[in-house]
């Protein structure tokens, strides 16, 4: 049975947003962040999940044509109506999870050595 919004579209886009914003975040941490984002978005109330899913489907379609990394970078740098809220939602979940789970993370995503 498929889910809505499609987990793959959310995960692919979230992965690219996190990679763009925090290029030095280790791959294992990035995977954990993406999994957290997809779980949280899957748990949204139905009307919100429907709206996020519709935006994710449109962004995912454009990502298939132009490349998900490119679309994530453009949307991250230019907050267009509606899609800007989608990027903001993904970022807020990612940043909250990262700095709550690994408070010793630099602004680039690089784990800081304990002092």
PDB file of N, CA and C in Angstrom:
ATOM      1  N   UNK A   1       0.841  -1.180   0.000  1.00  0.00           N
ATOM      2  CA  UNK A   1       0.000   0.000   0.000  1.00  0.00           C
ATOM      3  C   UNK A   1       0.889   1.248   0.000  1.00  0.00           C
ATOM      4  N   UNK A   2       0.576   2.185  -0.837  1.00  0.00           N
ATOM      5  CA  UNK A   2       1.356   3.415  -0.890  1.00  0.00           C
ATOM      6  C   UNK A   2       0.872   4.387   0.175  1.00  0.00           C
ATOM      7  N   UNK A   3       1.768   5.271   0.541  1.00  0.00           N
ATOM      8  CA  UNK A   3       1.412   6.286   1.530  1.00  0.00           C
ATOM      9  C   UNK A   3       1.412   7.646   0.857  1.00  0.00           C
ATOM     10  N   UNK A   4       0.697   8.555   1.458  1.00  0.00           N
ATOM     11  CA  UNK A   4       0.693   9.925   0.957  1.00  0.00           C
ATOM     12  C   UNK A   4       1.003  10.840   2.122  1.00  0.00           C
ATOM     13  N   UNK A   5       1.940  11.699   2.020  1.00  0.00           N
ATOM     14  CA  UNK A   5       2.789  11.937   0.862  1.00  0.00           C
ATOM     15  C   UNK A   5       3.795  10.812   0.662  1.00  0.00           C
ATOM     16  N   UNK A   6       4.212  10.586  -0.578  1.00  0.00           N
ATOM     17  CA  UNK A   6       5.163   9.517  -0.866  1.00  0.00           C
ATOM     18  C   UNK A   6       6.477   9.723  -0.112  1.00  0.00           C
ATOM     19  N   UNK A   7       6.854   8.733   0.688  1.00  0.00           N
ATOM     20  CA  UNK A   7       8.068   8.839   1.504  1.00  0.00           C
ATOM     21  C   UNK A   7       9.305   9.086   0.647  1.00  0.00           C
ATOM     22  N   UNK A   8       9.351   8.494  -0.546  1.00  0.00           N
ATOM     23  CA  UNK A   8      10.524   8.663  -1.405  1.00  0.00           C
ATOM     24  C   UNK A   8      10.722  10.102  -1.836  1.00  0.00           C
ATOM     25  N   UNK A   9       9.642  10.774  -2.198  1.00  0.00           N
ATOM     26  CA  UNK A   9       9.743  12.178  -2.612  1.00  0.00           C
ATOM     27  C   UNK A   9      10.201  13.059  -1.454  1.00  0.00           C
ATOM     28  N   UNK A  10       9.637  12.818  -0.280  1.00  0.00           N
ATOM     29  CA  UNK A  10      10.017  13.585   0.904  1.00  0.00           C
ATOM     30  C   UNK A  10      11.480  13.313   1.240  1.00  0.00           C
ATOM     31  N   UNK A  11      11.871  12.047   1.239  1.00  0.00           N
ATOM     32  CA  UNK A  11      13.238  11.675   1.608  1.00  0.00           C
ATOM     33  C   UNK A  11      14.255  12.237   0.619  1.00  0.00           C
ATOM     34  N   UNK A  12      13.989  12.116  -0.678  1.00  0.00           N
ATOM     35  CA  UNK A  12      14.931  12.624  -1.681  1.00  0.00           C
ATOM     36  C   UNK A  12      15.129  14.128  -1.538  1.00  0.00           C
ATOM     37  N   UNK A  13      14.031  14.850  -1.405  1.00  0.00           N
ATOM     38  CA  UNK A  13      14.128  16.303  -1.293  1.00  0.00           C
ATOM     39  C   UNK A  13      14.805  16.701   0.022  1.00  0.00           C
ATOM     40  N   UNK A  14      14.404  16.052   1.104  1.00  0.00           N
ATOM     41  CA  UNK A  14      14.998  16.365   2.414  1.00  0.00           C
ATOM     42  C   UNK A  14      16.497  16.106   2.405  1.00  0.00           C
ATOM     43  N   UNK A  15      16.894  15.011   1.807  1.00  0.00           N
ATOM     44  CA  UNK A  15      18.327  14.678   1.699  1.00  0.00           C
ATOM     45  C   UNK A  15      19.091  15.798   0.997  1.00  0.00           C
ATOM     46  N   UNK A  16      18.524  16.312  -0.076  1.00  0.00           N
ATOM     47  CA  UNK A  16      19.201  17.362  -0.837  1.00  0.00           C
ATOM     48  C   UNK A  16      19.222  18.692  -0.086  1.00  0.00           C
ATOM     49  N   UNK A  17      18.148  19.017   0.619  1.00  0.00           N
ATOM     50  CA  UNK A  17      18.118  20.255   1.406  1.00  0.00           C
ATOM     51  C   UNK A  17      19.178  20.197   2.503  1.00  0.00           C
ATOM     52  N   UNK A  18      19.230  19.071   3.213  1.00  0.00           N
ATOM     53  CA  UNK A  18      20.213  18.919   4.292  1.00  0.00           C
ATOM     54  C   UNK A  18      21.628  18.934   3.722  1.00  0.00           C
ATOM     55  N   UNK A  19      21.859  18.245   2.615  1.00  0.00           N
ATOM     56  CA  UNK A  19      23.184  18.227   1.996  1.00  0.00           C
ATOM     57  C   UNK A  19      23.601  19.622   1.529  1.00  0.00           C
ATOM     58  N   UNK A  20      22.652  20.386   1.022  1.00  0.00           N
ATOM     59  CA  UNK A  20      22.949  21.744   0.559  1.00  0.00           C
ATOM     60  C   UNK A  20      23.267  22.670   1.733  1.00  0.00           C
ATOM     61  N   UNK A  21      22.442  22.593   2.780  1.00  0.00           N
ATOM     62  CA  UNK A  21      22.606  23.493   3.917  1.00  0.00           C
ATOM     63  C   UNK A  21      23.762  23.106   4.828  1.00  0.00           C
ATOM     64  N   UNK A  22      24.004  21.820   4.978  1.00  0.00           N
ATOM     65  CA  UNK A  22      25.020  21.314   5.905  1.00  0.00           C
ATOM     66  C   UNK A  22      25.922  20.314   5.178  1.00  0.00           C
ATOM     67  N   UNK A  23      26.784  20.807   4.298  1.00  0.00           N
ATOM     68  CA  UNK A  23      27.566  19.902   3.446  1.00  0.00           C
ATOM     69  C   UNK A  23      28.540  18.996   4.206  1.00  0.00           C
ATOM     70  N   UNK A  24      28.915  19.352   5.419  1.00  0.00           N
ATOM     71  CA  UNK A  24      29.878  18.540   6.162  1.00  0.00           C
ATOM     72  C   UNK A  24      29.218  17.580   7.152  1.00  0.00           C
ATOM     73  N   UNK A  25      27.906  17.479   7.118  1.00  0.00           N
ATOM     74  CA  UNK A  25      27.217  16.536   7.995  1.00  0.00           C
ATOM     75  C   UNK A  25      27.541  15.116   7.522  1.00  0.00           C
ATOM     76  N   UNK A  26      28.015  14.261   8.421  1.00  0.00           N
ATOM     77  CA  UNK A  26      28.362  12.891   8.015  1.00  0.00           C
ATOM     78  C   UNK A  26      27.152  12.138   7.451  1.00  0.00           C
ATOM     79  N   UNK A  27      27.401  11.234   6.505  1.00  0.00           N
ATOM     80  CA  UNK A  27      26.301  10.507   5.847  1.00  0.00           C
ATOM     81  C   UNK A  27      25.380   9.757   6.814  1.00  0.00           C
ATOM     82  N   UNK A  28      25.924   9.159   7.861  1.00  0.00           N
ATOM     83  CA  UNK A  28      25.067   8.432   8.800  1.00  0.00           C
ATOM     84  C   UNK A  28      24.132   9.389   9.542  1.00  0.00           C
ATOM     85  N   UNK A  29      24.629  10.559   9.885  1.00  0.00           N
ATOM     86  CA  UNK A  29      23.774  11.549  10.538  1.00  0.00           C
ATOM     87  C   UNK A  29      22.731  12.081   9.567  1.00  0.00           C
ATOM     88  N   UNK A  30      23.131  12.296   8.320  1.00  0.00           N
ATOM     89  CA  UNK A  30      22.176  12.790   7.321  1.00  0.00           C
ATOM     90  C   UNK A  30      21.045  11.784   7.134  1.00  0.00           C
ATOM     91  N   UNK A  31      21.368  10.507   7.083  1.00  0.00           N
ATOM     92  CA  UNK A  31      20.329   9.480   6.946  1.00  0.00           C
ATOM     93  C   UNK A  31      19.368   9.515   8.131  1.00  0.00           C
ATOM     94  N   UNK A  32      19.910   9.679   9.344  1.00  0.00           N
ATOM     95  CA  UNK A  32      19.061   9.740  10.536  1.00  0.00           C
ATOM     96  C   UNK A  32      18.137  10.958  10.487  1.00  0.00           C
ATOM     97  N   UNK A  33      18.662  12.083  10.019  1.00  0.00           N
ATOM     98  CA  UNK A  33      17.863  13.309   9.917  1.00  0.00           C
ATOM     99  C   UNK A  33      16.749  13.122   8.896  1.00  0.00           C
ATOM    100  N   UNK A  34      17.070  12.562   7.745  1.00  0.00           N
ATOM    101  CA  UNK A  34      16.068  12.349   6.695  1.00  0.00           C
ATOM    102  C   UNK A  34      14.976  11.395   7.189  1.00  0.00           C
ATOM    103  N   UNK A  35      15.362  10.354   7.896  1.00  0.00           N
ATOM    104  CA  UNK A  35      14.366   9.419   8.437  1.00  0.00           C
ATOM    105  C   UNK A  35      13.460  10.118   9.446  1.00  0.00           C
ATOM    106  N   UNK A  36      14.030  10.980  10.280  1.00  0.00           N
ATOM    107  CA  UNK A  36      13.235  11.740  11.238  1.00  0.00           C
ATOM    108  C   UNK A  36      12.228  12.636  10.510  1.00  0.00           C
ATOM    109  N   UNK A  37      12.683  13.328   9.477  1.00  0.00           N
ATOM    110  CA  UNK A  37      11.796  14.226   8.722  1.00  0.00           C
ATOM    111  C   UNK A  37      10.648  13.439   8.095  1.00  0.00           C
ATOM    112  N   UNK A  38      10.956  12.321   7.461  1.00  0.00           N
ATOM    113  CA  UNK A  38       9.890  11.546   6.807  1.00  0.00           C
ATOM    114  C   UNK A  38       8.898  10.995   7.828  1.00  0.00           C
ATOM    115  N   UNK A  39       9.379  10.572   8.996  1.00  0.00           N
ATOM    116  CA  UNK A  39       8.459  10.094  10.044  1.00  0.00           C
ATOM    117  C   UNK A  39       7.550  11.210  10.527  1.00  0.00           C
ATOM    118  N   UNK A  40       8.133  12.380  10.756  1.00  0.00           N
ATOM    119  CA  UNK A  40       7.334  13.505  11.267  1.00  0.00           C
ATOM    120  C   UNK A  40       6.291  13.962  10.254  1.00  0.00           C
ATOM    121  N   UNK A  41       6.661  14.031   8.982  1.00  0.00           N
ATOM    122  CA  UNK A  41       5.708  14.471   7.966  1.00  0.00           C
ATOM    123  C   UNK A  41       4.623  13.423   7.739  1.00  0.00           C
ATOM    124  N   UNK A  42       4.959  12.157   7.894  1.00  0.00           N
ATOM    125  CA  UNK A  42       3.952  11.102   7.765  1.00  0.00           C
ATOM    126  C   UNK A  42       2.947  11.155   8.917  1.00  0.00           C
ATOM    127  N   UNK A  43       3.350  11.742  10.045  1.00  0.00           N
ATOM    128  CA  UNK A  43       2.478  11.831  11.201  1.00  0.00           C
ATOM    129  C   UNK A  43       1.674  13.113  11.295  1.00  0.00           C
ATOM    130  N   UNK A  44       1.736  13.944  10.282  1.00  0.00           N
ATOM    131  CA  UNK A  44       0.942  15.178  10.290  1.00  0.00           C
ATOM    132  C   UNK A  44      -0.552  14.860  10.234  1.00  0.00           C
ATOM    133  N   UNK A  45      -1.381  15.753  10.741  1.00  0.00           N
ATOM    134  CA  UNK A  45      -2.831  15.565  10.571  1.00  0.00           C
ATOM    135  C   UNK A  45      -3.185  15.508   9.083  1.00  0.00           C
ATOM    136  N   UNK A  46      -4.237  14.799   8.763  1.00  0.00           N
ATOM    137  CA  UNK A  46      -4.606  14.542   7.360  1.00  0.00           C
ATOM    138  C   UNK A  46      -4.633  15.773   6.464  1.00  0.00           C
ATOM    139  N   UNK A  47      -5.293  16.889   6.841  1.00  0.00           N
ATOM    140  CA  UNK A  47      -5.316  18.040   5.923  1.00  0.00           C
ATOM    141  C   UNK A  47      -3.908  18.604   5.647  1.00  0.00           C
ATOM    142  N   UNK A  48      -3.086  18.651   6.678  1.00  0.00           N
ATOM    143  CA  UNK A  48      -1.723  19.156   6.477  1.00  0.00           C
ATOM    144  C   UNK A  48      -0.905  18.175   5.647  1.00  0.00           C
ATOM    145  N   UNK A  49      -1.075  16.882   5.916  1.00  0.00           N
ATOM    146  CA  UNK A  49      -0.350  15.864   5.164  1.00  0.00           C
ATOM    147  C   UNK A  49      -0.735  15.923   3.688  1.00  0.00           C
ATOM    148  N   UNK A  50      -2.001  16.189   3.412  1.00  0.00           N
ATOM    149  CA  UNK A  50      -2.459  16.308   2.032  1.00  0.00           C
ATOM    150  C   UNK A  50      -1.791  17.500   1.343  1.00  0.00           C
ATOM    151  N   UNK A  51      -1.747  18.637   2.029  1.00  0.00           N
ATOM    152  CA  UNK A  51      -1.108  19.826   1.461  1.00  0.00           C
ATOM    153  C   UNK A  51       0.379  19.634   1.247  1.00  0.00           C
ATOM    154  N   UNK A  52       1.060  19.086   2.247  1.00  0.00           N
ATOM    155  CA  UNK A  52       2.503  18.836   2.122  1.00  0.00           C
ATOM    156  C   UNK A  52       2.751  17.821   1.015  1.00  0.00           C
ATOM    157  N   UNK A  53       1.892  16.822   0.930  1.00  0.00           N
ATOM    158  CA  UNK A  53       2.042  15.818  -0.117  1.00  0.00           C
ATOM    159  C   UNK A  53       1.870  16.390  -1.512  1.00  0.00           C
ATOM    160  N   UNK A  54       0.915  17.297  -1.668  1.00  0.00           N
ATOM    161  CA  UNK A  54       0.704  17.929  -2.975  1.00  0.00           C
ATOM    162  C   UNK A  54       1.927  18.741  -3.383  1.00  0.00           C
ATOM    163  N   UNK A  55       2.460  19.518  -2.446  1.00  0.00           N
ATOM    164  CA  UNK A  55       3.663  20.310  -2.741  1.00  0.00           C
ATOM    165  C   UNK A  55       4.840  19.377  -3.011  1.00  0.00           C
ATOM    166  N   UNK A  56       4.984  18.311  -2.215  1.00  0.00           N
ATOM    167  CA  UNK A  56       6.082  17.354  -2.412  1.00  0.00           C
ATOM    168  C   UNK A  56       5.993  16.707  -3.793  1.00  0.00           C
ATOM    169  N   UNK A  57       4.772  16.398  -4.239  1.00  0.00           N
ATOM    170  CA  UNK A  57       4.599  15.785  -5.558  1.00  0.00           C
ATOM    171  C   UNK A  57       5.011  16.750  -6.673  1.00  0.00           C
ATOM    172  N   UNK A  58       4.618  18.004  -6.543  1.00  0.00           N
ATOM    173  CA  UNK A  58       4.994  19.003  -7.557  1.00  0.00           C
ATOM    174  C   UNK A  58       6.501  19.224  -7.563  1.00  0.00           C
ATOM    175  N   UNK A  59       7.071  19.416  -6.368  1.00  0.00           N
ATOM    176  CA  UNK A  59       8.524  19.625  -6.272  1.00  0.00           C
ATOM    177  C   UNK A  59       9.266  18.385  -6.758  1.00  0.00           C
ATOM    178  N   UNK A  60       8.752  17.209  -6.426  1.00  0.00           N
ATOM    179  CA  UNK A  60       9.376  15.971  -6.888  1.00  0.00           C
ATOM    180  C   UNK A  60       9.341  15.839  -8.400  1.00  0.00           C
ATOM    181  N   UNK A  61       8.216  16.220  -9.018  1.00  0.00           N
ATOM    182  CA  UNK A  61       8.123  16.183 -10.482  1.00  0.00           C
ATOM    183  C   UNK A  61       9.111  17.123 -11.139  1.00  0.00           C
ATOM    184  N   UNK A  62       9.208  18.327 -10.600  1.00  0.00           N
ATOM    185  CA  UNK A  62      10.182  19.287 -11.132  1.00  0.00           C
ATOM    186  C   UNK A  62      11.604  18.764 -10.887  1.00  0.00           C
ATOM    187  N   UNK A  63      11.808  18.124  -9.733  1.00  0.00           N
ATOM    188  CA  UNK A  63      13.120  17.556  -9.422  1.00  0.00           C
ATOM    189  C   UNK A  63      13.530  16.460 -10.387  1.00  0.00           C
ATOM    190  N   UNK A  64      12.560  15.688 -10.842  1.00  0.00           N
ATOM    191  CA  UNK A  64      12.882  14.640 -11.821  1.00  0.00           C
ATOM    192  C   UNK A  64      13.300  15.237 -13.160  1.00  0.00           C
ATOM    193  N   UNK A  65      12.752  16.387 -13.481  1.00  0.00           N
ATOM    194  CA  UNK A  65      13.096  17.037 -14.744  1.00  0.00           C
ATOM    195  C   UNK A  65      14.423  17.800 -14.654  1.00  0.00           C
ATOM    196  N   UNK A  66      14.598  18.559 -13.576  1.00  0.00           N
ATOM    197  CA  UNK A  66      15.753  19.443 -13.460  1.00  0.00           C
ATOM    198  C   UNK A  66      16.835  18.921 -12.517  1.00  0.00           C
ATOM    199  N   UNK A  67      16.539  17.875 -11.763  1.00  0.00           N
ATOM    200  CA  UNK A  67      17.477  17.351 -10.782  1.00  0.00           C
ATOM    201  C   UNK A  67      17.088  17.819  -9.383  1.00  0.00           C
ATOM    202  N   UNK A  68      16.946  16.871  -8.477  1.00  0.00           N
ATOM    203  CA  UNK A  68      16.490  17.201  -7.130  1.00  0.00           C
ATOM    204  C   UNK A  68      17.462  18.115  -6.407  1.00  0.00           C
ATOM    205  N   UNK A  69      18.756  17.889  -6.587  1.00  0.00           N
ATOM    206  CA  UNK A  69      19.756  18.740  -5.916  1.00  0.00           C
ATOM    207  C   UNK A  69      19.634  20.186  -6.396  1.00  0.00           C
ATOM    208  N   UNK A  70      19.462  20.365  -7.679  1.00  0.00           N
ATOM    209  CA  UNK A  70      19.332  21.712  -8.238  1.00  0.00           C
ATOM    210  C   UNK A  70      18.060  22.398  -7.741  1.00  0.00           C
ATOM    211  N   UNK A  71      16.958  21.658  -7.723  1.00  0.00           N
ATOM    212  CA  UNK A  71      15.686  22.221  -7.261  1.00  0.00           C
ATOM    213  C   UNK A  71      15.784  22.585  -5.779  1.00  0.00           C
ATOM    214  N   UNK A  72      16.373  21.710  -4.977  1.00  0.00           N
ATOM    215  CA  UNK A  72      16.528  21.994  -3.544  1.00  0.00           C
ATOM    216  C   UNK A  72      17.379  23.241  -3.325  1.00  0.00           C
ATOM    217  N   UNK A  73      18.448  23.385  -4.101  1.00  0.00           N
ATOM    218  CA  UNK A  73      19.309  24.561  -3.962  1.00  0.00           C
ATOM    219  C   UNK A  73      18.563  25.842  -4.345  1.00  0.00           C
ATOM    220  N   UNK A  74      17.845  25.813  -5.453  1.00  0.00           N
ATOM    221  CA  UNK A  74      17.108  27.003  -5.903  1.00  0.00           C
ATOM    222  C   UNK A  74      16.015  27.366  -4.904  1.00  0.00           C
ATOM    223  N   UNK A  75      15.237  26.379  -4.476  1.00  0.00           N
ATOM    224  CA  UNK A  75      14.151  26.660  -3.527  1.00  0.00           C
ATOM    225  C   UNK A  75      14.692  27.082  -2.166  1.00  0.00           C
ATOM    226  N   UNK A  76      15.853  26.571  -1.799  1.00  0.00           N
ATOM    227  CA  UNK A  76      16.466  26.962  -0.537  1.00  0.00           C
ATOM    228  C   UNK A  76      16.979  28.383  -0.541  1.00  0.00           C
ATOM    229  N   UNK A  77      17.389  28.851  -1.693  1.00  0.00           N
ATOM    230  CA  UNK A  77      17.946  30.203  -1.802  1.00  0.00           C
ATOM    231  C   UNK A  77      16.898  31.249  -2.171  1.00  0.00           C
ATOM    232  N   UNK A  78      15.793  30.820  -2.768  1.00  0.00           N
ATOM    233  CA  UNK A  78      14.738  31.738  -3.208  1.00  0.00           C
ATOM    234  C   UNK A  78      13.403  31.257  -2.657  1.00  0.00           C
ATOM    235  N   UNK A  79      12.922  31.840  -1.580  1.00  0.00           N
ATOM    236  CA  UNK A  79      11.678  31.366  -0.955  1.00  0.00           C
ATOM    237  C   UNK A  79      10.429  31.744  -1.763  1.00  0.00           C
ATOM    238  N   UNK A  80      10.104  30.930  -2.743  1.00  0.00           N
ATOM    239  CA  UNK A  80       8.900  31.146  -3.536  1.00  0.00           C
ATOM    240  C   UNK A  80       7.666  30.837  -2.686  1.00  0.00           C
ATOM    241  N   UNK A  81       6.525  31.405  -3.022  1.00  0.00           N
ATOM    242  CA  UNK A  81       5.306  31.091  -2.270  1.00  0.00           C
ATOM    243  C   UNK A  81       5.030  29.584  -2.271  1.00  0.00           C
ATOM    244  N   UNK A  82       4.525  29.078  -1.215  1.00  0.00           N
ATOM    245  CA  UNK A  82       4.155  27.686  -0.952  1.00  0.00           C
ATOM    246  C   UNK A  82       5.387  26.777  -0.893  1.00  0.00           C
ATOM    247  N   UNK A  83       6.190  26.747  -1.938  1.00  0.00           N
ATOM    248  CA  UNK A  83       7.366  25.881  -1.904  1.00  0.00           C
ATOM    249  C   UNK A  83       8.372  26.375  -0.861  1.00  0.00           C
ATOM    250  N   UNK A  84       8.394  27.664  -0.617  1.00  0.00           N
ATOM    251  CA  UNK A  84       9.262  28.197   0.427  1.00  0.00           C
ATOM    252  C   UNK A  84       8.867  27.690   1.797  1.00  0.00           C
ATOM    253  N   UNK A  85       7.568  27.506   2.016  1.00  0.00           N
ATOM    254  CA  UNK A  85       7.086  26.948   3.287  1.00  0.00           C
ATOM    255  C   UNK A  85       7.481  25.485   3.421  1.00  0.00           C
ATOM    256  N   UNK A  86       7.486  24.776   2.312  1.00  0.00           N
ATOM    257  CA  UNK A  86       7.899  23.372   2.309  1.00  0.00           C
ATOM    258  C   UNK A  86       9.371  23.267   2.705  1.00  0.00           C
ATOM    259  N   UNK A  87      10.212  24.093   2.110  1.00  0.00           N
ATOM    260  CA  UNK A  87      11.631  24.104   2.457  1.00  0.00           C
ATOM    261  C   UNK A  87      11.801  24.492   3.922  1.00  0.00           C
ATOM    262  N   UNK A  88      11.066  25.483   4.371  1.00  0.00           N
ATOM    263  CA  UNK A  88      11.158  25.921   5.769  1.00  0.00           C
ATOM    264  C   UNK A  88      10.765  24.803   6.723  1.00  0.00           C
ATOM    265  N   UNK A  89       9.734  24.044   6.378  1.00  0.00           N
ATOM    266  CA  UNK A  89       9.297  22.922   7.201  1.00  0.00           C
ATOM    267  C   UNK A  89      10.394  21.855   7.288  1.00  0.00           C
ATOM    268  N   UNK A  90      10.955  21.495   6.148  1.00  0.00           N
ATOM    269  CA  UNK A  90      12.026  20.494   6.124  1.00  0.00           C
ATOM    270  C   UNK A  90      13.229  20.989   6.925  1.00  0.00           C
ATOM    271  N   UNK A  91      13.627  22.233   6.707  1.00  0.00           N
ATOM    272  CA  UNK A  91      14.767  22.792   7.438  1.00  0.00           C
ATOM    273  C   UNK A  91      14.527  22.827   8.942  1.00  0.00           C
ATOM    274  N   UNK A  92      13.345  23.267   9.348  1.00  0.00           N
ATOM    275  CA  UNK A  92      13.091  23.385  10.777  1.00  0.00           C
ATOM    276  C   UNK A  92      13.149  22.021  11.457  1.00  0.00           C
ATOM    277  N   UNK A  93      12.605  21.001  10.819  1.00  0.00           N
ATOM    278  CA  UNK A  93      12.685  19.656  11.379  1.00  0.00           C
ATOM    279  C   UNK A  93      14.132  19.173  11.416  1.00  0.00           C
ATOM    280  N   UNK A  94      14.858  19.414  10.331  1.00  0.00           N
ATOM    281  CA  UNK A  94      16.254  18.969  10.271  1.00  0.00           C
ATOM    282  C   UNK A  94      17.111  19.664  11.321  1.00  0.00           C
ATOM    283  N   UNK A  95      17.020  20.976  11.385  1.00  0.00           N
ATOM    284  CA  UNK A  95      17.861  21.716  12.323  1.00  0.00           C
ATOM    285  C   UNK A  95      17.528  21.364  13.768  1.00  0.00           C
ATOM    286  N   UNK A  96      16.248  21.245  14.085  1.00  0.00           N
ATOM    287  CA  UNK A  96      15.863  20.889  15.453  1.00  0.00           C
ATOM    288  C   UNK A  96      16.419  19.517  15.819  1.00  0.00           C
ATOM    289  N   UNK A  97      16.305  18.573  14.915  1.00  0.00           N
ATOM    290  CA  UNK A  97      16.801  17.221  15.200  1.00  0.00           C
ATOM    291  C   UNK A  97      18.323  17.207  15.344  1.00  0.00           C
ATOM    292  N   UNK A  98      19.000  17.866  14.432  1.00  0.00           N
ATOM    293  CA  UNK A  98      20.471  17.858  14.457  1.00  0.00           C
ATOM    294  C   UNK A  98      20.993  18.455  15.752  1.00  0.00           C
ATOM    295  N   UNK A  99      20.559  19.661  16.088  1.00  0.00           N
ATOM    296  CA  UNK A  99      21.154  20.326  17.251  1.00  0.00           C
ATOM    297  C   UNK A  99      20.576  19.833  18.575  1.00  0.00           C
ATOM    298  N   UNK A 100      19.475  19.109  18.533  1.00  0.00           N
ATOM    299  CA  UNK A 100      18.986  18.458  19.751  1.00  0.00           C
ATOM    300  C   UNK A 100      19.728  17.140  19.971  1.00  0.00           C
ATOM    301  N   UNK A 101      19.991  16.426  18.889  1.00  0.00           N
ATOM    302  CA  UNK A 101      20.651  15.122  18.988  1.00  0.00           C
ATOM    303  C   UNK A 101      22.161  15.254  19.102  1.00  0.00           C
ATOM    304  N   UNK A 102      22.746  16.154  18.335  1.00  0.00           N
ATOM    305  CA  UNK A 102      24.200  16.345  18.313  1.00  0.00           C
ATOM    306  C   UNK A 102      24.511  17.827  18.529  1.00  0.00           C
ATOM    307  N   UNK A 103      24.437  18.311  19.752  1.00  0.00           N
ATOM    308  CA  UNK A 103      24.642  19.747  19.993  1.00  0.00           C
ATOM    309  C   UNK A 103      26.054  20.221  19.659  1.00  0.00           C
ATOM    310  N   UNK A 104      26.977  19.291  19.483  1.00  0.00           N
ATOM    311  CA  UNK A 104      28.354  19.655  19.152  1.00  0.00           C
ATOM    312  C   UNK A 104      28.580  19.707  17.642  1.00  0.00           C
ATOM    313  N   UNK A 105      27.574  20.136  16.888  1.00  0.00           N
ATOM    314  CA  UNK A 105      27.660  20.218  15.434  1.00  0.00           C
ATOM    315  C   UNK A 105      27.906  21.653  15.003  1.00  0.00           C
ATOM    316  N   UNK A 106      28.870  21.841  14.102  1.00  0.00           N
ATOM    317  CA  UNK A 106      29.164  23.167  13.561  1.00  0.00           C
ATOM    318  C   UNK A 106      28.063  23.594  12.594  1.00  0.00           C
ATOM    319  N   UNK A 107      28.045  24.849  12.230  1.00  0.00           N
ATOM    320  CA  UNK A 107      27.037  25.390  11.309  1.00  0.00           C
ATOM    321  C   UNK A 107      27.117  24.751   9.912  1.00  0.00           C
ATOM    322  N   UNK A 108      28.237  24.137   9.591  1.00  0.00           N
ATOM    323  CA  UNK A 108      28.379  23.460   8.300  1.00  0.00           C
ATOM    324  C   UNK A 108      27.971  21.990   8.371  1.00  0.00           C
ATOM    325  N   UNK A 109      27.668  21.528   9.596  1.00  0.00           N
ATOM    326  CA  UNK A 109      27.311  20.125   9.787  1.00  0.00           C
ATOM    327  C   UNK A 109      28.445  19.270  10.308  1.00  0.00           C
ATOM    328  N   UNK A 110      29.627  19.839  10.362  1.00  0.00           N
ATOM    329  CA  UNK A 110      30.795  19.086  10.818  1.00  0.00           C
ATOM    330  C   UNK A 110      30.692  18.850  12.321  1.00  0.00           C
ATOM    331  N   UNK A 111      30.888  17.578  12.758  1.00  0.00           N
ATOM    332  CA  UNK A 111      30.905  17.324  14.201  1.00  0.00           C
ATOM    333  C   UNK A 111      32.122  17.987  14.832  1.00  0.00           C
ATOM    334  N   UNK A 112      31.897  18.717  15.904  1.00  0.00           N
ATOM    335  CA  UNK A 112      33.001  19.372  16.607  1.00  0.00           C
ATOM    336  C   UNK A 112      33.608  18.413  17.619  1.00  0.00           C
ATOM    337  N   UNK A 113      34.882  18.531  17.780  1.00  0.00           N
ATOM    338  CA  UNK A 113      35.586  17.704  18.758  1.00  0.00           C
ATOM    339  C   UNK A 113      35.269  18.232  20.151  1.00  0.00           C
ATOM    340  N   UNK A 114      35.065  17.332  21.105  1.00  0.00           N
ATOM    341  CA  UNK A 114      34.837  17.804  22.481  1.00  0.00           C
ATOM    342  C   UNK A 114      36.042  18.559  23.007  1.00  0.00           C
ATOM    343  N   UNK A 115      35.794  19.635  23.750  1.00  0.00           N
ATOM    344  CA  UNK A 115      36.881  20.473  24.263  1.00  0.00           C
ATOM    345  C   UNK A 115      37.543  19.859  25.450  1.00  0.00           C
TER     346      UNK A 115
END
